[in-house]
Amino acid sequence: MKKWWWVFTFAIVAYGLYEQAAMKLEKEISNLDKQIESLKSRIEEAKAKHRELALQQESLNDPAWIELTLIRTLGMVPEGYTKVYYRP
């Protein structure tokens, strides 16, 4: 047993290094899983934005949509409409 003490010491040190590396790897995997979830949610948001922009692009040829956009964004009022001003 006295001749083989270095084998046991080596085994204990190797096991300790293995455990440390395994914990570090587990932490990295956890961080990467969080990044994956974050990127998936960003992809879904981008897809929703893409659908919204596609609908807006399709509606550019619709006269009713153009009229509504002019009313909302520029405050223009077509003939026959009443424009109301609110004072704060």
N, C-alpha and C. Protein backbone atom coordinates (compact mmCIF):
# COMPACT_ATOMS: atom_id res chain seq x y z
N MET A 1 0.82 -1.19 0.00
CA MET A 1 0.00 0.00 0.00
C MET A 1 0.87 1.26 0.00
N LYS A 2 2.00 1.22 0.65
CA LYS A 2 2.88 2.37 0.71
C LYS A 2 3.48 2.68 -0.66
N LYS A 3 3.60 1.65 -1.49
CA LYS A 3 4.17 1.87 -2.82
C LYS A 3 3.16 2.48 -3.78
N TRP A 4 1.86 2.35 -3.49
CA TRP A 4 0.82 2.78 -4.41
C TRP A 4 0.09 4.04 -3.96
N TRP A 5 0.59 4.77 -3.02
CA TRP A 5 -0.09 5.96 -2.52
C TRP A 5 -0.28 7.01 -3.61
N TRP A 6 0.67 7.11 -4.52
CA TRP A 6 0.58 8.12 -5.58
C TRP A 6 -0.57 7.80 -6.54
N VAL A 7 -0.93 6.54 -6.72
CA VAL A 7 -2.03 6.16 -7.59
C VAL A 7 -3.35 6.66 -6.98
N PHE A 8 -3.52 6.45 -5.69
CA PHE A 8 -4.74 6.93 -5.03
C PHE A 8 -4.81 8.46 -5.04
N THR A 9 -3.70 9.10 -4.80
CA THR A 9 -3.65 10.56 -4.83
C THR A 9 -4.00 11.08 -6.22
N PHE A 10 -3.42 10.44 -7.23
CA PHE A 10 -3.70 10.84 -8.60
C PHE A 10 -5.18 10.65 -8.93
N ALA A 11 -5.77 9.55 -8.50
CA ALA A 11 -7.17 9.27 -8.77
C ALA A 11 -8.07 10.32 -8.09
N ILE A 12 -7.76 10.69 -6.86
CA ILE A 12 -8.55 11.68 -6.14
C ILE A 12 -8.44 13.05 -6.82
N VAL A 13 -7.24 13.44 -7.21
CA VAL A 13 -7.04 14.72 -7.90
C VAL A 13 -7.76 14.72 -9.24
N ALA A 14 -7.65 13.62 -9.97
CA ALA A 14 -8.32 13.53 -11.28
C ALA A 14 -9.83 13.61 -11.12
N TYR A 15 -10.37 12.96 -10.11
CA TYR A 15 -11.81 13.01 -9.87
C TYR A 15 -12.24 14.43 -9.50
N GLY A 16 -11.46 15.12 -8.70
CA GLY A 16 -11.78 16.50 -8.32
C GLY A 16 -11.77 17.42 -9.53
N LEU A 17 -10.78 17.27 -10.41
CA LEU A 17 -10.73 18.08 -11.62
C LEU A 17 -11.90 17.77 -12.55
N TYR A 18 -12.27 16.48 -12.62
CA TYR A 18 -13.40 16.09 -13.44
C TYR A 18 -14.70 16.72 -12.92
N GLU A 19 -14.91 16.69 -11.62
CA GLU A 19 -16.11 17.29 -11.03
C GLU A 19 -16.17 18.79 -11.30
N GLN A 20 -15.03 19.45 -11.17
CA GLN A 20 -14.98 20.89 -11.40
C GLN A 20 -15.31 21.20 -12.86
N ALA A 21 -14.76 20.44 -13.79
CA ALA A 21 -15.04 20.66 -15.21
C ALA A 21 -16.50 20.35 -15.53
N ALA A 22 -17.05 19.33 -14.90
CA ALA A 22 -18.45 18.97 -15.15
C ALA A 22 -19.38 20.08 -14.66
N MET A 23 -19.09 20.66 -13.51
CA MET A 23 -19.93 21.76 -13.00
C MET A 23 -19.83 22.98 -13.92
N LYS A 24 -18.62 23.28 -14.40
CA LYS A 24 -18.44 24.41 -15.31
C LYS A 24 -19.21 24.16 -16.61
N LEU A 25 -19.13 22.95 -17.13
CA LEU A 25 -19.84 22.61 -18.35
C LEU A 25 -21.35 22.70 -18.16
N GLU A 26 -21.84 22.27 -17.03
CA GLU A 26 -23.27 22.34 -16.73
C GLU A 26 -23.74 23.80 -16.68
N LYS A 27 -22.92 24.67 -16.09
CA LYS A 27 -23.26 26.09 -16.02
C LYS A 27 -23.29 26.70 -17.43
N GLU A 28 -22.34 26.33 -18.27
CA GLU A 28 -22.31 26.85 -19.63
C GLU A 28 -23.53 26.36 -20.42
N ILE A 29 -23.90 25.11 -20.24
CA ILE A 29 -25.08 24.58 -20.92
C ILE A 29 -26.33 25.32 -20.47
N SER A 30 -26.43 25.61 -19.19
CA SER A 30 -27.57 26.37 -18.68
C SER A 30 -27.62 27.76 -19.30
N ASN A 31 -26.48 28.42 -19.39
CA ASN A 31 -26.44 29.75 -20.01
C ASN A 31 -26.84 29.69 -21.48
N LEU A 32 -26.38 28.67 -22.18
CA LEU A 32 -26.72 28.53 -23.59
C LEU A 32 -28.21 28.24 -23.77
N ASP A 33 -28.79 27.46 -22.87
CA ASP A 33 -30.24 27.20 -22.92
C ASP A 33 -31.02 28.50 -22.75
N LYS A 34 -30.56 29.36 -21.84
CA LYS A 34 -31.22 30.65 -21.64
C LYS A 34 -31.11 31.51 -22.90
N GLN A 35 -29.93 31.48 -23.53
CA GLN A 35 -29.75 32.24 -24.76
C GLN A 35 -30.66 31.71 -25.86
N ILE A 36 -30.81 30.40 -25.94
CA ILE A 36 -31.68 29.81 -26.96
C ILE A 36 -33.11 30.28 -26.76
N GLU A 37 -33.58 30.26 -25.53
CA GLU A 37 -34.95 30.71 -25.25
C GLU A 37 -35.12 32.18 -25.60
N SER A 38 -34.12 32.99 -25.27
CA SER A 38 -34.18 34.42 -25.58
C SER A 38 -34.23 34.63 -27.09
N LEU A 39 -33.41 33.89 -27.82
CA LEU A 39 -33.40 34.04 -29.27
C LEU A 39 -34.69 33.54 -29.90
N LYS A 40 -35.26 32.49 -29.33
CA LYS A 40 -36.55 32.00 -29.85
C LYS A 40 -37.63 33.05 -29.68
N SER A 41 -37.65 33.73 -28.53
CA SER A 41 -38.66 34.76 -28.32
C SER A 41 -38.42 35.95 -29.25
N ARG A 42 -37.16 36.29 -29.50
CA ARG A 42 -36.86 37.38 -30.42
C ARG A 42 -37.26 37.01 -31.85
N ILE A 43 -37.10 35.74 -32.21
CA ILE A 43 -37.51 35.28 -33.54
C ILE A 43 -39.02 35.40 -33.69
N GLU A 44 -39.76 35.00 -32.65
CA GLU A 44 -41.21 35.11 -32.70
C GLU A 44 -41.65 36.56 -32.82
N GLU A 45 -40.99 37.47 -32.09
CA GLU A 45 -41.31 38.89 -32.19
C GLU A 45 -41.03 39.41 -33.60
N ALA A 46 -39.92 38.98 -34.17
CA ALA A 46 -39.56 39.41 -35.53
C ALA A 46 -40.56 38.87 -36.55
N LYS A 47 -41.02 37.64 -36.36
CA LYS A 47 -42.03 37.09 -37.26
C LYS A 47 -43.33 37.87 -37.17
N ALA A 48 -43.74 38.24 -35.96
CA ALA A 48 -44.96 39.02 -35.78
C ALA A 48 -44.81 40.39 -36.45
N LYS A 49 -43.65 41.01 -36.27
CA LYS A 49 -43.40 42.31 -36.90
C LYS A 49 -43.42 42.16 -38.42
N HIS A 50 -42.86 41.07 -38.92
CA HIS A 50 -42.85 40.83 -40.36
C HIS A 50 -44.28 40.68 -40.89
N ARG A 51 -45.12 39.94 -40.18
CA ARG A 51 -46.51 39.79 -40.61
C ARG A 51 -47.23 41.14 -40.61
N GLU A 52 -46.97 41.94 -39.58
CA GLU A 52 -47.60 43.26 -39.49
C GLU A 52 -47.16 44.15 -40.65
N LEU A 53 -45.87 44.13 -40.95
CA LEU A 53 -45.37 44.95 -42.05
C LEU A 53 -45.89 44.45 -43.39
N ALA A 54 -46.03 43.14 -43.55
CA ALA A 54 -46.57 42.59 -44.79
C ALA A 54 -48.01 43.03 -44.98
N LEU A 55 -48.80 43.04 -43.90
CA LEU A 55 -50.18 43.52 -43.99
C LEU A 55 -50.23 45.00 -44.34
N GLN A 56 -49.34 45.78 -43.76
CA GLN A 56 -49.30 47.21 -44.07
C GLN A 56 -48.93 47.43 -45.53
N GLN A 57 -47.98 46.62 -46.01
CA GLN A 57 -47.56 46.76 -47.40
C GLN A 57 -48.70 46.39 -48.35
N GLU A 58 -49.46 45.36 -48.02
CA GLU A 58 -50.58 44.96 -48.84
C GLU A 58 -51.68 46.02 -48.84
N SER A 59 -51.79 46.74 -47.76
CA SER A 59 -52.86 47.73 -47.65
C SER A 59 -52.50 49.08 -48.27
N LEU A 60 -51.30 49.22 -48.81
CA LEU A 60 -50.92 50.51 -49.39
C LEU A 60 -51.76 50.88 -50.60
N ASN A 61 -52.35 49.91 -51.26
CA ASN A 61 -53.17 50.18 -52.44
C ASN A 61 -54.64 50.36 -52.09
N ASP A 62 -54.99 50.24 -50.83
CA ASP A 62 -56.38 50.37 -50.39
C ASP A 62 -56.66 51.84 -50.05
N PRO A 63 -57.58 52.48 -50.78
CA PRO A 63 -57.84 53.90 -50.53
C PRO A 63 -58.38 54.18 -49.13
N ALA A 64 -59.17 53.27 -48.58
CA ALA A 64 -59.71 53.48 -47.23
C ALA A 64 -58.57 53.47 -46.20
N TRP A 65 -57.60 52.59 -46.39
CA TRP A 65 -56.46 52.53 -45.48
C TRP A 65 -55.61 53.80 -45.59
N ILE A 66 -55.42 54.28 -46.80
CA ILE A 66 -54.64 55.51 -47.00
C ILE A 66 -55.33 56.68 -46.31
N GLU A 67 -56.65 56.76 -46.45
CA GLU A 67 -57.41 57.83 -45.80
C GLU A 67 -57.29 57.74 -44.29
N LEU A 68 -57.42 56.54 -43.74
CA LEU A 68 -57.30 56.36 -42.29
C LEU A 68 -55.90 56.73 -41.80
N THR A 69 -54.89 56.36 -42.56
CA THR A 69 -53.51 56.69 -42.18
C THR A 69 -53.28 58.19 -42.19
N LEU A 70 -53.80 58.87 -43.20
CA LEU A 70 -53.66 60.32 -43.26
C LEU A 70 -54.38 60.99 -42.09
N ILE A 71 -55.53 60.47 -41.72
CA ILE A 71 -56.27 61.04 -40.60
C ILE A 71 -55.50 60.83 -39.30
N ARG A 72 -55.00 59.62 -39.08
CA ARG A 72 -54.32 59.31 -37.80
C ARG A 72 -52.96 59.98 -37.67
N THR A 73 -52.15 59.91 -38.72
CA THR A 73 -50.77 60.37 -38.57
C THR A 73 -50.60 61.87 -38.84
N LEU A 74 -51.27 62.37 -39.86
CA LEU A 74 -51.08 63.77 -40.22
C LEU A 74 -52.18 64.68 -39.70
N GLY A 75 -53.27 64.10 -39.23
CA GLY A 75 -54.37 64.91 -38.71
C GLY A 75 -55.22 65.53 -39.80
N MET A 76 -55.07 65.04 -41.01
CA MET A 76 -55.87 65.57 -42.12
C MET A 76 -57.31 65.07 -41.99
N VAL A 77 -58.24 65.90 -42.41
CA VAL A 77 -59.65 65.54 -42.32
C VAL A 77 -60.26 65.71 -43.71
N PRO A 78 -60.88 64.67 -44.25
CA PRO A 78 -61.53 64.81 -45.56
C PRO A 78 -62.79 65.66 -45.47
N GLU A 79 -63.27 66.08 -46.61
CA GLU A 79 -64.48 66.90 -46.65
C GLU A 79 -65.65 66.11 -46.09
N GLY A 80 -66.46 66.77 -45.32
CA GLY A 80 -67.63 66.14 -44.73
C GLY A 80 -67.38 65.61 -43.32
N TYR A 81 -66.14 65.61 -42.87
CA TYR A 81 -65.80 65.16 -41.52
C TYR A 81 -65.69 66.38 -40.62
N THR A 82 -65.86 66.17 -39.35
CA THR A 82 -65.70 67.25 -38.38
C THR A 82 -64.44 66.99 -37.56
N LYS A 83 -63.58 67.98 -37.50
CA LYS A 83 -62.36 67.84 -36.74
C LYS A 83 -62.56 68.47 -35.39
N VAL A 84 -62.20 67.75 -34.33
CA VAL A 84 -62.41 68.22 -32.96
C VAL A 84 -61.04 68.42 -32.33
N TYR A 85 -60.82 69.56 -31.70
CA TYR A 85 -59.58 69.88 -31.01
C TYR A 85 -59.83 69.79 -29.50
N TYR A 86 -58.93 69.19 -28.77
CA TYR A 86 -59.01 69.12 -27.32
C TYR A 86 -57.92 69.96 -26.73
N ARG A 87 -58.28 70.77 -25.75
CA ARG A 87 -57.28 71.58 -25.05
C ARG A 87 -56.93 70.89 -23.74
N PRO A 88 -55.66 70.84 -23.43
CA PRO A 88 -55.25 70.18 -22.16
C PRO A 88 -55.58 70.99 -20.94
